[in-house]
Amino acid sequence: MDRLTLFGLFAVTAMLVTYALEHRSHWFILAFAAACALGSVYGFLQGAWPFGLVEAVWACVALRRWIVRPRSLA
């Protein structure tokens, strides 16, 4: 595997893990947004611009969810 493929594998794995853990903390929503941004970068670097574009939109959606989600005091 080359470095670009490893980077893509890391990005998609991070998306999966952080999405699964979103219910535990609002910080996982922010981490999901960051992982989507990494996935977007991977898509554009690989030349799959539709994937990169969709992942960029998901990053924006997740960031908005992080901004508007109420924070618990605990």
PDB file of N, CA and C in Angstrom:
ATOM      1  N   MET A   1       0.832  -1.185   0.000  1.00  0.00           N
ATOM      2  CA  MET A   1       0.000   0.000   0.000  1.00  0.00           C
ATOM      3  C   MET A   1       0.879   1.252   0.000  1.00  0.00           C
ATOM      4  N   ASP A   2       0.489   2.221  -0.790  1.00  0.00           N
ATOM      5  CA  ASP A   2       1.238   3.469  -0.797  1.00  0.00           C
ATOM      6  C   ASP A   2       0.707   4.423   0.293  1.00  0.00           C
ATOM      7  N   ARG A   3       1.405   5.530   0.470  1.00  0.00           N
ATOM      8  CA  ARG A   3       1.049   6.471   1.551  1.00  0.00           C
ATOM      9  C   ARG A   3      -0.331   7.092   1.358  1.00  0.00           C
ATOM     10  N   LEU A   4      -0.702   7.370   0.128  1.00  0.00           N
ATOM     11  CA  LEU A   4      -2.016   7.964  -0.125  1.00  0.00           C
ATOM     12  C   LEU A   4      -3.134   6.994   0.263  1.00  0.00           C
ATOM     13  N   THR A   5      -2.962   5.736  -0.066  1.00  0.00           N
ATOM     14  CA  THR A   5      -3.963   4.733   0.304  1.00  0.00           C
ATOM     15  C   THR A   5      -4.044   4.582   1.816  1.00  0.00           C
ATOM     16  N   LEU A   6      -2.911   4.583   2.493  1.00  0.00           N
ATOM     17  CA  LEU A   6      -2.913   4.508   3.961  1.00  0.00           C
ATOM     18  C   LEU A   6      -3.599   5.727   4.575  1.00  0.00           C
ATOM     19  N   PHE A   7      -3.359   6.892   3.996  1.00  0.00           N
ATOM     20  CA  PHE A   7      -4.013   8.104   4.465  1.00  0.00           C
ATOM     21  C   PHE A   7      -5.530   7.986   4.309  1.00  0.00           C
ATOM     22  N   GLY A   8      -5.981   7.486   3.167  1.00  0.00           N
ATOM     23  CA  GLY A   8      -7.410   7.290   2.937  1.00  0.00           C
ATOM     24  C   GLY A   8      -8.005   6.279   3.895  1.00  0.00           C
ATOM     25  N   LEU A   9      -7.289   5.198   4.142  1.00  0.00           N
ATOM     26  CA  LEU A   9      -7.755   4.190   5.094  1.00  0.00           C
ATOM     27  C   LEU A   9      -7.885   4.789   6.488  1.00  0.00           C
ATOM     28  N   PHE A  10      -6.906   5.595   6.889  1.00  0.00           N
ATOM     29  CA  PHE A  10      -6.971   6.262   8.193  1.00  0.00           C
ATOM     30  C   PHE A  10      -8.180   7.194   8.266  1.00  0.00           C
ATOM     31  N   ALA A  11      -8.388   7.989   7.228  1.00  0.00           N
ATOM     32  CA  ALA A  11      -9.489   8.960   7.225  1.00  0.00           C
ATOM     33  C   ALA A  11     -10.840   8.261   7.340  1.00  0.00           C
ATOM     34  N   VAL A  12     -11.048   7.224   6.543  1.00  0.00           N
ATOM     35  CA  VAL A  12     -12.338   6.533   6.550  1.00  0.00           C
ATOM     36  C   VAL A  12     -12.543   5.769   7.860  1.00  0.00           C
ATOM     37  N   THR A  13     -11.484   5.184   8.394  1.00  0.00           N
ATOM     38  CA  THR A  13     -11.583   4.506   9.689  1.00  0.00           C
ATOM     39  C   THR A  13     -11.908   5.495  10.795  1.00  0.00           C
ATOM     40  N   ALA A  14     -11.273   6.658  10.770  1.00  0.00           N
ATOM     41  CA  ALA A  14     -11.553   7.691  11.765  1.00  0.00           C
ATOM     42  C   ALA A  14     -13.000   8.161  11.655  1.00  0.00           C
ATOM     43  N   MET A  15     -13.516   8.261  10.441  1.00  0.00           N
ATOM     44  CA  MET A  15     -14.914   8.647  10.258  1.00  0.00           C
ATOM     45  C   MET A  15     -15.839   7.612  10.890  1.00  0.00           C
ATOM     46  N   LEU A  16     -15.565   6.358  10.644  1.00  0.00           N
ATOM     47  CA  LEU A  16     -16.400   5.285  11.177  1.00  0.00           C
ATOM     48  C   LEU A  16     -16.392   5.272  12.712  1.00  0.00           C
ATOM     49  N   VAL A  17     -15.208   5.355  13.299  1.00  0.00           N
ATOM     50  CA  VAL A  17     -15.080   5.289  14.757  1.00  0.00           C
ATOM     51  C   VAL A  17     -15.732   6.502  15.415  1.00  0.00           C
ATOM     52  N   THR A  18     -15.443   7.692  14.910  1.00  0.00           N
ATOM     53  CA  THR A  18     -15.997   8.895  15.539  1.00  0.00           C
ATOM     54  C   THR A  18     -17.503   8.982  15.358  1.00  0.00           C
ATOM     55  N   TYR A  19     -18.015   8.511  14.223  1.00  0.00           N
ATOM     56  CA  TYR A  19     -19.461   8.501  14.022  1.00  0.00           C
ATOM     57  C   TYR A  19     -20.128   7.559  15.021  1.00  0.00           C
ATOM     58  N   ALA A  20     -19.518   6.411  15.242  1.00  0.00           N
ATOM     59  CA  ALA A  20     -20.082   5.432  16.181  1.00  0.00           C
ATOM     60  C   ALA A  20     -20.074   5.953  17.619  1.00  0.00           C
ATOM     61  N   LEU A  21     -19.165   6.857  17.929  1.00  0.00           N
ATOM     62  CA  LEU A  21     -19.026   7.358  19.302  1.00  0.00           C
ATOM     63  C   LEU A  21     -19.670   8.725  19.533  1.00  0.00           C
ATOM     64  N   GLU A  22     -20.360   9.265  18.541  1.00  0.00           N
ATOM     65  CA  GLU A  22     -20.935  10.606  18.659  1.00  0.00           C
ATOM     66  C   GLU A  22     -21.867  10.764  19.853  1.00  0.00           C
ATOM     67  N   HIS A  23     -22.576   9.720  20.220  1.00  0.00           N
ATOM     68  CA  HIS A  23     -23.532   9.825  21.324  1.00  0.00           C
ATOM     69  C   HIS A  23     -22.835   9.987  22.683  1.00  0.00           C
ATOM     70  N   ARG A  24     -21.552   9.717  22.757  1.00  0.00           N
ATOM     71  CA  ARG A  24     -20.828   9.799  24.029  1.00  0.00           C
ATOM     72  C   ARG A  24     -20.400  11.212  24.400  1.00  0.00           C
ATOM     73  N   SER A  25     -20.091  12.020  23.405  1.00  0.00           N
ATOM     74  CA  SER A  25     -19.614  13.375  23.676  1.00  0.00           C
ATOM     75  C   SER A  25     -19.742  14.228  22.417  1.00  0.00           C
ATOM     76  N   HIS A  26     -19.974  15.517  22.629  1.00  0.00           N
ATOM     77  CA  HIS A  26     -20.038  16.420  21.479  1.00  0.00           C
ATOM     78  C   HIS A  26     -18.680  16.549  20.791  1.00  0.00           C
ATOM     79  N   TRP A  27     -17.608  16.205  21.489  1.00  0.00           N
ATOM     80  CA  TRP A  27     -16.270  16.269  20.895  1.00  0.00           C
ATOM     81  C   TRP A  27     -16.092  15.245  19.786  1.00  0.00           C
ATOM     82  N   PHE A  28     -16.826  14.128  19.854  1.00  0.00           N
ATOM     83  CA  PHE A  28     -16.751  13.143  18.782  1.00  0.00           C
ATOM     84  C   PHE A  28     -17.414  13.668  17.508  1.00  0.00           C
ATOM     85  N   ILE A  29     -18.379  14.569  17.648  1.00  0.00           N
ATOM     86  CA  ILE A  29     -18.980  15.190  16.466  1.00  0.00           C
ATOM     87  C   ILE A  29     -17.940  16.068  15.772  1.00  0.00           C
ATOM     88  N   LEU A  30     -17.187  16.816  16.569  1.00  0.00           N
ATOM     89  CA  LEU A  30     -16.121  17.644  15.998  1.00  0.00           C
ATOM     90  C   LEU A  30     -15.042  16.761  15.360  1.00  0.00           C
ATOM     91  N   ALA A  31     -14.705  15.664  16.016  1.00  0.00           N
ATOM     92  CA  ALA A  31     -13.718  14.742  15.450  1.00  0.00           C
ATOM     93  C   ALA A  31     -14.232  14.125  14.150  1.00  0.00           C
ATOM     94  N   PHE A  32     -15.532  13.843  14.091  1.00  0.00           N
ATOM     95  CA  PHE A  32     -16.129  13.320  12.858  1.00  0.00           C
ATOM     96  C   PHE A  32     -16.010  14.351  11.741  1.00  0.00           C
ATOM     97  N   ALA A  33     -16.252  15.608  12.059  1.00  0.00           N
ATOM     98  CA  ALA A  33     -16.113  16.670  11.054  1.00  0.00           C
ATOM     99  C   ALA A  33     -14.677  16.732  10.534  1.00  0.00           C
ATOM    100  N   ALA A  34     -13.716  16.619  11.439  1.00  0.00           N
ATOM    101  CA  ALA A  34     -12.303  16.635  11.031  1.00  0.00           C
ATOM    102  C   ALA A  34     -11.973  15.415  10.173  1.00  0.00           C
ATOM    103  N   ALA A  35     -12.502  14.253  10.545  1.00  0.00           N
ATOM    104  CA  ALA A  35     -12.256  13.042   9.764  1.00  0.00           C
ATOM    105  C   ALA A  35     -12.879  13.158   8.373  1.00  0.00           C
ATOM    106  N   CYS A  36     -14.055  13.774   8.283  1.00  0.00           N
ATOM    107  CA  CYS A  36     -14.669  14.005   6.973  1.00  0.00           C
ATOM    108  C   CYS A  36     -13.812  14.942   6.125  1.00  0.00           C
ATOM    109  N   ALA A  37     -13.231  15.944   6.767  1.00  0.00           N
ATOM    110  CA  ALA A  37     -12.342  16.858   6.044  1.00  0.00           C
ATOM    111  C   ALA A  37     -11.118  16.102   5.520  1.00  0.00           C
ATOM    112  N   LEU A  38     -10.582  15.191   6.329  1.00  0.00           N
ATOM    113  CA  LEU A  38      -9.459  14.370   5.868  1.00  0.00           C
ATOM    114  C   LEU A  38      -9.892  13.484   4.705  1.00  0.00           C
ATOM    115  N   GLY A  39     -11.093  12.931   4.795  1.00  0.00           N
ATOM    116  CA  GLY A  39     -11.619  12.130   3.695  1.00  0.00           C
ATOM    117  C   GLY A  39     -11.776  12.949   2.428  1.00  0.00           C
ATOM    118  N   SER A  40     -12.169  14.191   2.582  1.00  0.00           N
ATOM    119  CA  SER A  40     -12.299  15.084   1.444  1.00  0.00           C
ATOM    120  C   SER A  40     -10.939  15.338   0.788  1.00  0.00           C
ATOM    121  N   VAL A  41      -9.954  15.617   1.614  1.00  0.00           N
ATOM    122  CA  VAL A  41      -8.598  15.826   1.092  1.00  0.00           C
ATOM    123  C   VAL A  41      -8.141  14.581   0.334  1.00  0.00           C
ATOM    124  N   TYR A  42      -8.383  13.426   0.926  1.00  0.00           N
ATOM    125  CA  TYR A  42      -8.010  12.173   0.262  1.00  0.00           C
ATOM    126  C   TYR A  42      -8.704  12.038  -1.092  1.00  0.00           C
ATOM    127  N   GLY A  43      -9.986  12.317  -1.136  1.00  0.00           N
ATOM    128  CA  GLY A  43     -10.717  12.202  -2.392  1.00  0.00           C
ATOM    129  C   GLY A  43     -10.142  13.093  -3.474  1.00  0.00           C
ATOM    130  N   PHE A  44      -9.833  14.334  -3.118  1.00  0.00           N
ATOM    131  CA  PHE A  44      -9.271  15.244  -4.112  1.00  0.00           C
ATOM    132  C   PHE A  44      -7.862  14.821  -4.515  1.00  0.00           C
ATOM    133  N   LEU A  45      -7.035  14.387  -3.548  1.00  0.00           N
ATOM    134  CA  LEU A  45      -5.677  13.953  -3.881  1.00  0.00           C
ATOM    135  C   LEU A  45      -5.683  12.711  -4.774  1.00  0.00           C
ATOM    136  N   GLN A  46      -6.649  11.850  -4.575  1.00  0.00           N
ATOM    137  CA  GLN A  46      -6.748  10.620  -5.353  1.00  0.00           C
ATOM    138  C   GLN A  46      -7.296  10.893  -6.749  1.00  0.00           C
ATOM    139  N   GLY A  47      -7.954  12.012  -6.914  1.00  0.00           N
ATOM    140  CA  GLY A  47      -8.544  12.340  -8.202  1.00  0.00           C
ATOM    141  C   GLY A  47     -10.019  12.011  -8.289  1.00  0.00           C
ATOM    142  N   ALA A  48     -10.593  11.577  -7.172  1.00  0.00           N
ATOM    143  CA  ALA A  48     -12.022  11.271  -7.135  1.00  0.00           C
ATOM    144  C   ALA A  48     -12.753  12.492  -6.588  1.00  0.00           C
ATOM    145  N   TRP A  49     -12.855  13.531  -7.419  1.00  0.00           N
ATOM    146  CA  TRP A  49     -13.402  14.800  -6.930  1.00  0.00           C
ATOM    147  C   TRP A  49     -14.847  14.696  -6.448  1.00  0.00           C
ATOM    148  N   PRO A  50     -15.713  13.823  -6.991  1.00  0.00           N
ATOM    149  CA  PRO A  50     -17.066  13.731  -6.409  1.00  0.00           C
ATOM    150  C   PRO A  50     -17.025  13.265  -4.949  1.00  0.00           C
ATOM    151  N   PHE A  51     -16.156  12.299  -4.648  1.00  0.00           N
ATOM    152  CA  PHE A  51     -15.990  11.832  -3.274  1.00  0.00           C
ATOM    153  C   PHE A  51     -15.468  12.972  -2.392  1.00  0.00           C
ATOM    154  N   GLY A  52     -14.469  13.690  -2.889  1.00  0.00           N
ATOM    155  CA  GLY A  52     -13.914  14.812  -2.133  1.00  0.00           C
ATOM    156  C   GLY A  52     -14.948  15.887  -1.864  1.00  0.00           C
ATOM    157  N   LEU A  53     -15.794  16.157  -2.837  1.00  0.00           N
ATOM    158  CA  LEU A  53     -16.832  17.170  -2.683  1.00  0.00           C
ATOM    159  C   LEU A  53     -17.884  16.747  -1.661  1.00  0.00           C
ATOM    160  N   VAL A  54     -18.345  15.505  -1.757  1.00  0.00           N
ATOM    161  CA  VAL A  54     -19.357  15.008  -0.818  1.00  0.00           C
ATOM    162  C   VAL A  54     -18.802  14.971   0.603  1.00  0.00           C
ATOM    163  N   GLU A  55     -17.568  14.563   0.764  1.00  0.00           N
ATOM    164  CA  GLU A  55     -16.970  14.537   2.098  1.00  0.00           C
ATOM    165  C   GLU A  55     -16.808  15.955   2.663  1.00  0.00           C
ATOM    166  N   ALA A  56     -16.533  16.921   1.809  1.00  0.00           N
ATOM    167  CA  ALA A  56     -16.443  18.312   2.265  1.00  0.00           C
ATOM    168  C   ALA A  56     -17.806  18.790   2.763  1.00  0.00           C
ATOM    169  N   VAL A  57     -18.866  18.405   2.063  1.00  0.00           N
ATOM    170  CA  VAL A  57     -20.214  18.766   2.513  1.00  0.00           C
ATOM    171  C   VAL A  57     -20.507  18.101   3.858  1.00  0.00           C
ATOM    172  N   TRP A  58     -20.162  16.810   4.004  1.00  0.00           N
ATOM    173  CA  TRP A  58     -20.377  16.122   5.281  1.00  0.00           C
ATOM    174  C   TRP A  58     -19.595  16.793   6.405  1.00  0.00           C
ATOM    175  N   ALA A  59     -18.396  17.265   6.118  1.00  0.00           N
ATOM    176  CA  ALA A  59     -17.608  17.963   7.134  1.00  0.00           C
ATOM    177  C   ALA A  59     -18.331  19.232   7.587  1.00  0.00           C
ATOM    178  N   CYS A  60     -18.913  19.965   6.647  1.00  0.00           N
ATOM    179  CA  CYS A  60     -19.655  21.181   6.996  1.00  0.00           C
ATOM    180  C   CYS A  60     -20.915  20.857   7.803  1.00  0.00           C
ATOM    181  N   VAL A  61     -21.622  19.804   7.407  1.00  0.00           N
ATOM    182  CA  VAL A  61     -22.828  19.395   8.133  1.00  0.00           C
ATOM    183  C   VAL A  61     -22.472  18.990   9.568  1.00  0.00           C
ATOM    184  N   ALA A  62     -21.419  18.213   9.716  1.00  0.00           N
ATOM    185  CA  ALA A  62     -21.006  17.768  11.056  1.00  0.00           C
ATOM    186  C   ALA A  62     -20.539  18.951  11.901  1.00  0.00           C
ATOM    187  N   LEU A  63     -19.816  19.878  11.296  1.00  0.00           N
ATOM    188  CA  LEU A  63     -19.373  21.060  12.042  1.00  0.00           C
ATOM    189  C   LEU A  63     -20.573  21.877  12.513  1.00  0.00           C
ATOM    190  N   ARG A  64     -21.562  22.025  11.672  1.00  0.00           N
ATOM    191  CA  ARG A  64     -22.778  22.737  12.079  1.00  0.00           C
ATOM    192  C   ARG A  64     -23.480  22.014  13.223  1.00  0.00           C
ATOM    193  N   ARG A  65     -23.549  20.687  13.138  1.00  0.00           N
ATOM    194  CA  ARG A  65     -24.164  19.910  14.220  1.00  0.00           C
ATOM    195  C   ARG A  65     -23.406  20.116  15.528  1.00  0.00           C
ATOM    196  N   TRP A  66     -22.075  20.203  15.452  1.00  0.00           N
ATOM    197  CA  TRP A  66     -21.276  20.421  16.657  1.00  0.00           C
ATOM    198  C   TRP A  66     -21.551  21.812  17.238  1.00  0.00           C
ATOM    199  N   ILE A  67     -21.714  22.790  16.382  1.00  0.00           N
ATOM    200  CA  ILE A  67     -21.943  24.166  16.837  1.00  0.00           C
ATOM    201  C   ILE A  67     -23.312  24.300  17.516  1.00  0.00           C
ATOM    202  N   VAL A  68     -24.339  23.691  16.951  1.00  0.00           N
ATOM    203  CA  VAL A  68     -25.699  23.887  17.476  1.00  0.00           C
ATOM    204  C   VAL A  68     -26.082  22.896  18.567  1.00  0.00           C
ATOM    205  N   ARG A  69     -25.318  21.818  18.751  1.00  0.00           N
ATOM    206  CA  ARG A  69     -25.679  20.835  19.776  1.00  0.00           C
ATOM    207  C   ARG A  69     -25.430  21.415  21.165  1.00  0.00           C
ATOM    208  N   PRO A  70     -26.411  21.295  22.048  1.00  0.00           N
ATOM    209  CA  PRO A  70     -26.225  21.785  23.415  1.00  0.00           C
ATOM    210  C   PRO A  70     -25.137  20.985  24.132  1.00  0.00           C
ATOM    211  N   ARG A  71     -24.348  21.671  24.906  1.00  0.00           N
ATOM    212  CA  ARG A  71     -23.281  21.019  25.674  1.00  0.00           C
ATOM    213  C   ARG A  71     -23.820  20.648  27.047  1.00  0.00           C
ATOM    214  N   SER A  72     -23.492  19.464  27.504  1.00  0.00           N
ATOM    215  CA  SER A  72     -23.887  19.081  28.868  1.00  0.00           C
ATOM    216  C   SER A  72     -22.863  19.634  29.852  1.00  0.00           C
ATOM    217  N   LEU A  73     -23.294  19.861  31.051  1.00  0.00           N
ATOM    218  CA  LEU A  73     -22.405  20.414  32.067  1.00  0.00           C
ATOM    219  C   LEU A  73     -21.549  19.337  32.722  1.00  0.00           C
ATOM    220  N   ALA A  74     -21.945  18.085  32.573  1.00  0.00           N
ATOM    221  CA  ALA A  74     -21.198  16.997  33.216  1.00  0.00           C
ATOM    222  C   ALA A  74     -19.983  16.616  32.428  1.00  0.00           C
TER     223      ALA A  74
END
